[in-house]
Amino acid sequence: MSAGAAFGHGGASGIVKERMDVMSDISRNMKSMGTMLKGGSAFNPDLVIDAGDAIAAHAGDRLTALFPEGSDHAPTEASPEIWKNWSAFSASAENMKAAALALKRVAEAGEGKKEIAGAFGKLAATCKSCHEVFRIKK
């Protein structure tokens, strides 16, 4: 299994691999919620609570700590724009944390699928907006 992970991350090591692993975990959580909200699995607010909590735990300062200066070496997908516009990147990481916690609160409050889907969309928008500016296009 670790050989597959190393291959999937293009031989990344150190902090670059660590942040790729974090991004993969965020992606897995987003996909599981997205599949559920599209009807591919049973509606389960507990899944949303757990996923929101996991994503929030990776976001904010914990996320930005994975991007120290000088960690822009291959095989990173991090754009140099991160370090040129650190305040905007930090704000994006905080926005993701806030959106993940808001999603979790909606699920904890017993809101329905429509409300959860709306909060999920706001979280997904934070991912998209950050990737548009701070991720190297493949």
C-alpha atoms as a PDB file:
ATOM      1  CA  MET A   1       0.000   0.000   0.000  1.00  0.00           C
ATOM      2  CA  SER A   2       2.808   2.460   0.776  1.00  0.00           C
ATOM      3  CA  ALA A   3       4.332   1.838  -2.638  1.00  0.00           C
ATOM      4  CA  GLY A   4       1.039   2.905  -4.193  1.00  0.00           C
ATOM      5  CA  ALA A   5       0.957   6.037  -2.062  1.00  0.00           C
ATOM      6  CA  ALA A   6       4.515   6.912  -3.038  1.00  0.00           C
ATOM      7  CA  PHE A   7       3.674   6.372  -6.705  1.00  0.00           C
ATOM      8  CA  GLY A   8       0.536   8.459  -6.371  1.00  0.00           C
ATOM      9  CA  HIS A   9       2.596  11.296  -4.983  1.00  0.00           C
ATOM     10  CA  GLY A  10       5.306  11.077  -7.630  1.00  0.00           C
ATOM     11  CA  GLY A  11       8.075  10.172  -5.215  1.00  0.00           C
ATOM     12  CA  ALA A  12       7.323  13.046  -2.850  1.00  0.00           C
ATOM     13  CA  SER A  13       9.040  13.034   0.515  1.00  0.00           C
ATOM     14  CA  GLY A  14       9.216  15.178   3.617  1.00  0.00           C
ATOM     15  CA  ILE A  15       6.889  18.133   3.967  1.00  0.00           C
ATOM     16  CA  VAL A  16       5.746  17.901   0.332  1.00  0.00           C
ATOM     17  CA  LYS A  17       4.544  14.321   0.878  1.00  0.00           C
ATOM     18  CA  GLU A  18       2.986  15.285   4.191  1.00  0.00           C
ATOM     19  CA  ARG A  19       0.893  18.033   2.615  1.00  0.00           C
ATOM     20  CA  MET A  20      -0.029  15.796  -0.337  1.00  0.00           C
ATOM     21  CA  ASP A  21      -1.252  13.209   2.182  1.00  0.00           C
ATOM     22  CA  VAL A  22      -3.326  15.878   3.942  1.00  0.00           C
ATOM     23  CA  MET A  23      -4.826  17.018   0.641  1.00  0.00           C
ATOM     24  CA  SER A  24      -5.622  13.391  -0.211  1.00  0.00           C
ATOM     25  CA  ASP A  25      -7.432  12.987   3.109  1.00  0.00           C
ATOM     26  CA  ILE A  26      -9.421  16.172   2.494  1.00  0.00           C
ATOM     27  CA  SER A  27     -10.270  14.911  -0.988  1.00  0.00           C
ATOM     28  CA  ARG A  28     -11.432  11.522   0.345  1.00  0.00           C
ATOM     29  CA  ASN A  29     -13.707  13.233   2.843  1.00  0.00           C
ATOM     30  CA  MET A  30     -15.134  15.570   0.197  1.00  0.00           C
ATOM     31  CA  LYS A  31     -15.744  12.670  -2.184  1.00  0.00           C
ATOM     32  CA  SER A  32     -17.531  10.583   0.439  1.00  0.00           C
ATOM     33  CA  MET A  33     -19.848  13.484   1.248  1.00  0.00           C
ATOM     34  CA  GLY A  34     -20.373  14.309  -2.420  1.00  0.00           C
ATOM     35  CA  THR A  35     -21.256  10.706  -3.235  1.00  0.00           C
ATOM     36  CA  MET A  36     -23.753  10.645  -0.365  1.00  0.00           C
ATOM     37  CA  LEU A  37     -25.336  13.958  -1.362  1.00  0.00           C
ATOM     38  CA  LYS A  38     -25.720  12.744  -4.969  1.00  0.00           C
ATOM     39  CA  GLY A  39     -27.538   9.634  -3.734  1.00  0.00           C
ATOM     40  CA  GLY A  40     -24.666   7.202  -4.265  1.00  0.00           C
ATOM     41  CA  SER A  41     -24.870   6.134  -0.623  1.00  0.00           C
ATOM     42  CA  ALA A  42     -27.407   6.438   2.183  1.00  0.00           C
ATOM     43  CA  PHE A  43     -27.924   9.908   3.636  1.00  0.00           C
ATOM     44  CA  ASN A  44     -25.862   9.986   6.820  1.00  0.00           C
ATOM     45  CA  PRO A  45     -25.415  13.237   8.774  1.00  0.00           C
ATOM     46  CA  ASP A  46     -22.849  11.508  11.021  1.00  0.00           C
ATOM     47  CA  LEU A  47     -20.596  11.071   7.982  1.00  0.00           C
ATOM     48  CA  VAL A  48     -20.863  14.829   7.385  1.00  0.00           C
ATOM     49  CA  ILE A  49     -20.053  15.598  11.011  1.00  0.00           C
ATOM     50  CA  ASP A  50     -16.978  13.355  10.934  1.00  0.00           C
ATOM     51  CA  ALA A  51     -15.811  14.618   7.533  1.00  0.00           C
ATOM     52  CA  GLY A  52     -16.335  18.264   8.471  1.00  0.00           C
ATOM     53  CA  ASP A  53     -14.380  17.714  11.652  1.00  0.00           C
ATOM     54  CA  ALA A  54     -11.522  15.979   9.795  1.00  0.00           C
ATOM     55  CA  ILE A  55     -11.304  18.706   7.152  1.00  0.00           C
ATOM     56  CA  ALA A  56     -11.385  21.474   9.759  1.00  0.00           C
ATOM     57  CA  ALA A  57      -8.573  19.727  11.632  1.00  0.00           C
ATOM     58  CA  HIS A  58      -6.402  19.940   8.496  1.00  0.00           C
ATOM     59  CA  ALA A  59      -7.298  23.550   7.667  1.00  0.00           C
ATOM     60  CA  GLY A  60      -6.273  26.966   8.933  1.00  0.00           C
ATOM     61  CA  ASP A  61      -2.874  27.207  10.604  1.00  0.00           C
ATOM     62  CA  ARG A  62      -2.341  23.462  10.364  1.00  0.00           C
ATOM     63  CA  LEU A  63      -2.582  23.673   6.591  1.00  0.00           C
ATOM     64  CA  THR A  64      -0.371  26.719   6.181  1.00  0.00           C
ATOM     65  CA  ALA A  65       2.279  25.102   8.411  1.00  0.00           C
ATOM     66  CA  LEU A  66       2.696  22.498   5.662  1.00  0.00           C
ATOM     67  CA  PHE A  67       3.930  25.175   3.240  1.00  0.00           C
ATOM     68  CA  PRO A  68       7.170  26.516   4.710  1.00  0.00           C
ATOM     69  CA  GLU A  69       9.294  28.744   2.548  1.00  0.00           C
ATOM     70  CA  GLY A  70      11.547  26.696   0.269  1.00  0.00           C
ATOM     71  CA  SER A  71       9.160  23.740  -0.023  1.00  0.00           C
ATOM     72  CA  ASP A  72       8.252  24.482  -3.605  1.00  0.00           C
ATOM     73  CA  HIS A  73      10.382  21.694  -5.057  1.00  0.00           C
ATOM     74  CA  ALA A  74       9.230  18.839  -7.308  1.00  0.00           C
ATOM     75  CA  PRO A  75       6.916  17.006  -7.260  1.00  0.00           C
ATOM     76  CA  THR A  76       4.862  19.683  -5.501  1.00  0.00           C
ATOM     77  CA  GLU A  77       1.694  21.009  -7.072  1.00  0.00           C
ATOM     78  CA  ALA A  78       1.967  24.142  -4.939  1.00  0.00           C
ATOM     79  CA  SER A  79       2.188  27.301  -6.990  1.00  0.00           C
ATOM     80  CA  PRO A  80       4.880  29.880  -6.205  1.00  0.00           C
ATOM     81  CA  GLU A  81       1.904  32.246  -5.811  1.00  0.00           C
ATOM     82  CA  ILE A  82       1.477  30.799  -2.281  1.00  0.00           C
ATOM     83  CA  TRP A  83       4.651  32.449  -1.062  1.00  0.00           C
ATOM     84  CA  LYS A  84       4.145  35.607  -3.143  1.00  0.00           C
ATOM     85  CA  ASN A  85       0.689  36.171  -1.683  1.00  0.00           C
ATOM     86  CA  TRP A  86       0.903  34.500   1.719  1.00  0.00           C
ATOM     87  CA  SER A  87      -1.874  36.567   3.294  1.00  0.00           C
ATOM     88  CA  ALA A  88      -4.392  35.466   0.630  1.00  0.00           C
ATOM     89  CA  PHE A  89      -3.241  31.849   0.965  1.00  0.00           C
ATOM     90  CA  SER A  90      -3.618  32.011   4.763  1.00  0.00           C
ATOM     91  CA  ALA A  91      -7.078  33.526   4.353  1.00  0.00           C
ATOM     92  CA  SER A  92      -8.036  30.659   2.024  1.00  0.00           C
ATOM     93  CA  ALA A  93      -6.903  28.111   4.604  1.00  0.00           C
ATOM     94  CA  GLU A  94      -8.954  29.889   7.290  1.00  0.00           C
ATOM     95  CA  ASN A  95     -11.974  30.076   4.972  1.00  0.00           C
ATOM     96  CA  MET A  96     -11.779  26.318   4.465  1.00  0.00           C
ATOM     97  CA  LYS A  97     -11.682  25.742   8.211  1.00  0.00           C
ATOM     98  CA  ALA A  98     -14.667  28.033   8.792  1.00  0.00           C
ATOM     99  CA  ALA A  99     -16.670  26.391   6.000  1.00  0.00           C
ATOM    100  CA  ALA A 100     -15.872  22.875   7.281  1.00  0.00           C
ATOM    101  CA  LEU A 101     -16.964  23.821  10.801  1.00  0.00           C
ATOM    102  CA  ALA A 102     -20.132  25.470   9.454  1.00  0.00           C
ATOM    103  CA  LEU A 103     -20.946  22.292   7.523  1.00  0.00           C
ATOM    104  CA  LYS A 104     -20.407  20.224  10.655  1.00  0.00           C
ATOM    105  CA  ARG A 105     -22.713  22.517  12.660  1.00  0.00           C
ATOM    106  CA  VAL A 106     -25.477  22.227  10.039  1.00  0.00           C
ATOM    107  CA  ALA A 107     -25.308  18.434  10.267  1.00  0.00           C
ATOM    108  CA  GLU A 108     -25.153  18.503  14.072  1.00  0.00           C
ATOM    109  CA  ALA A 109     -28.246  20.729  14.160  1.00  0.00           C
ATOM    110  CA  GLY A 110     -30.202  17.998  12.379  1.00  0.00           C
ATOM    111  CA  GLU A 111     -30.731  20.004   9.219  1.00  0.00           C
ATOM    112  CA  GLY A 112     -31.858  18.181   6.100  1.00  0.00           C
ATOM    113  CA  LYS A 113     -30.070  17.141   2.966  1.00  0.00           C
ATOM    114  CA  LYS A 114     -30.797  20.438   1.193  1.00  0.00           C
ATOM    115  CA  GLU A 115     -29.184  22.530   3.949  1.00  0.00           C
ATOM    116  CA  ILE A 116     -26.226  20.165   4.233  1.00  0.00           C
ATOM    117  CA  ALA A 117     -25.767  20.276   0.469  1.00  0.00           C
ATOM    118  CA  GLY A 118     -25.719  24.088   0.598  1.00  0.00           C
ATOM    119  CA  ALA A 119     -23.038  24.104   3.304  1.00  0.00           C
ATOM    120  CA  PHE A 120     -21.108  21.425   1.408  1.00  0.00           C
ATOM    121  CA  GLY A 121     -21.189  23.640  -1.691  1.00  0.00           C
ATOM    122  CA  LYS A 122     -19.680  26.516   0.277  1.00  0.00           C
ATOM    123  CA  LEU A 123     -16.886  24.249   1.512  1.00  0.00           C
ATOM    124  CA  ALA A 124     -16.260  22.926  -2.004  1.00  0.00           C
ATOM    125  CA  ALA A 125     -16.035  26.523  -3.244  1.00  0.00           C
ATOM    126  CA  THR A 126     -13.182  27.206  -0.803  1.00  0.00           C
ATOM    127  CA  CYS A 127     -11.259  24.257  -2.241  1.00  0.00           C
ATOM    128  CA  LYS A 128     -11.895  25.358  -5.812  1.00  0.00           C
ATOM    129  CA  SER A 129     -10.966  28.999  -5.260  1.00  0.00           C
ATOM    130  CA  CYS A 130      -7.717  28.065  -3.526  1.00  0.00           C
ATOM    131  CA  HIS A 131      -6.760  25.558  -6.205  1.00  0.00           C
ATOM    132  CA  GLU A 132      -7.448  28.078  -8.969  1.00  0.00           C
ATOM    133  CA  VAL A 133      -4.838  30.464  -7.592  1.00  0.00           C
ATOM    134  CA  PHE A 134      -2.445  28.385  -5.501  1.00  0.00           C
ATOM    135  CA  ARG A 135      -2.141  25.049  -7.312  1.00  0.00           C
ATOM    136  CA  ILE A 136      -0.083  24.377 -10.415  1.00  0.00           C
ATOM    137  CA  LYS A 137      -2.361  23.386 -13.278  1.00  0.00           C
ATOM    138  CA  LYS A 138      -1.842  19.808 -14.442  1.00  0.00           C
END
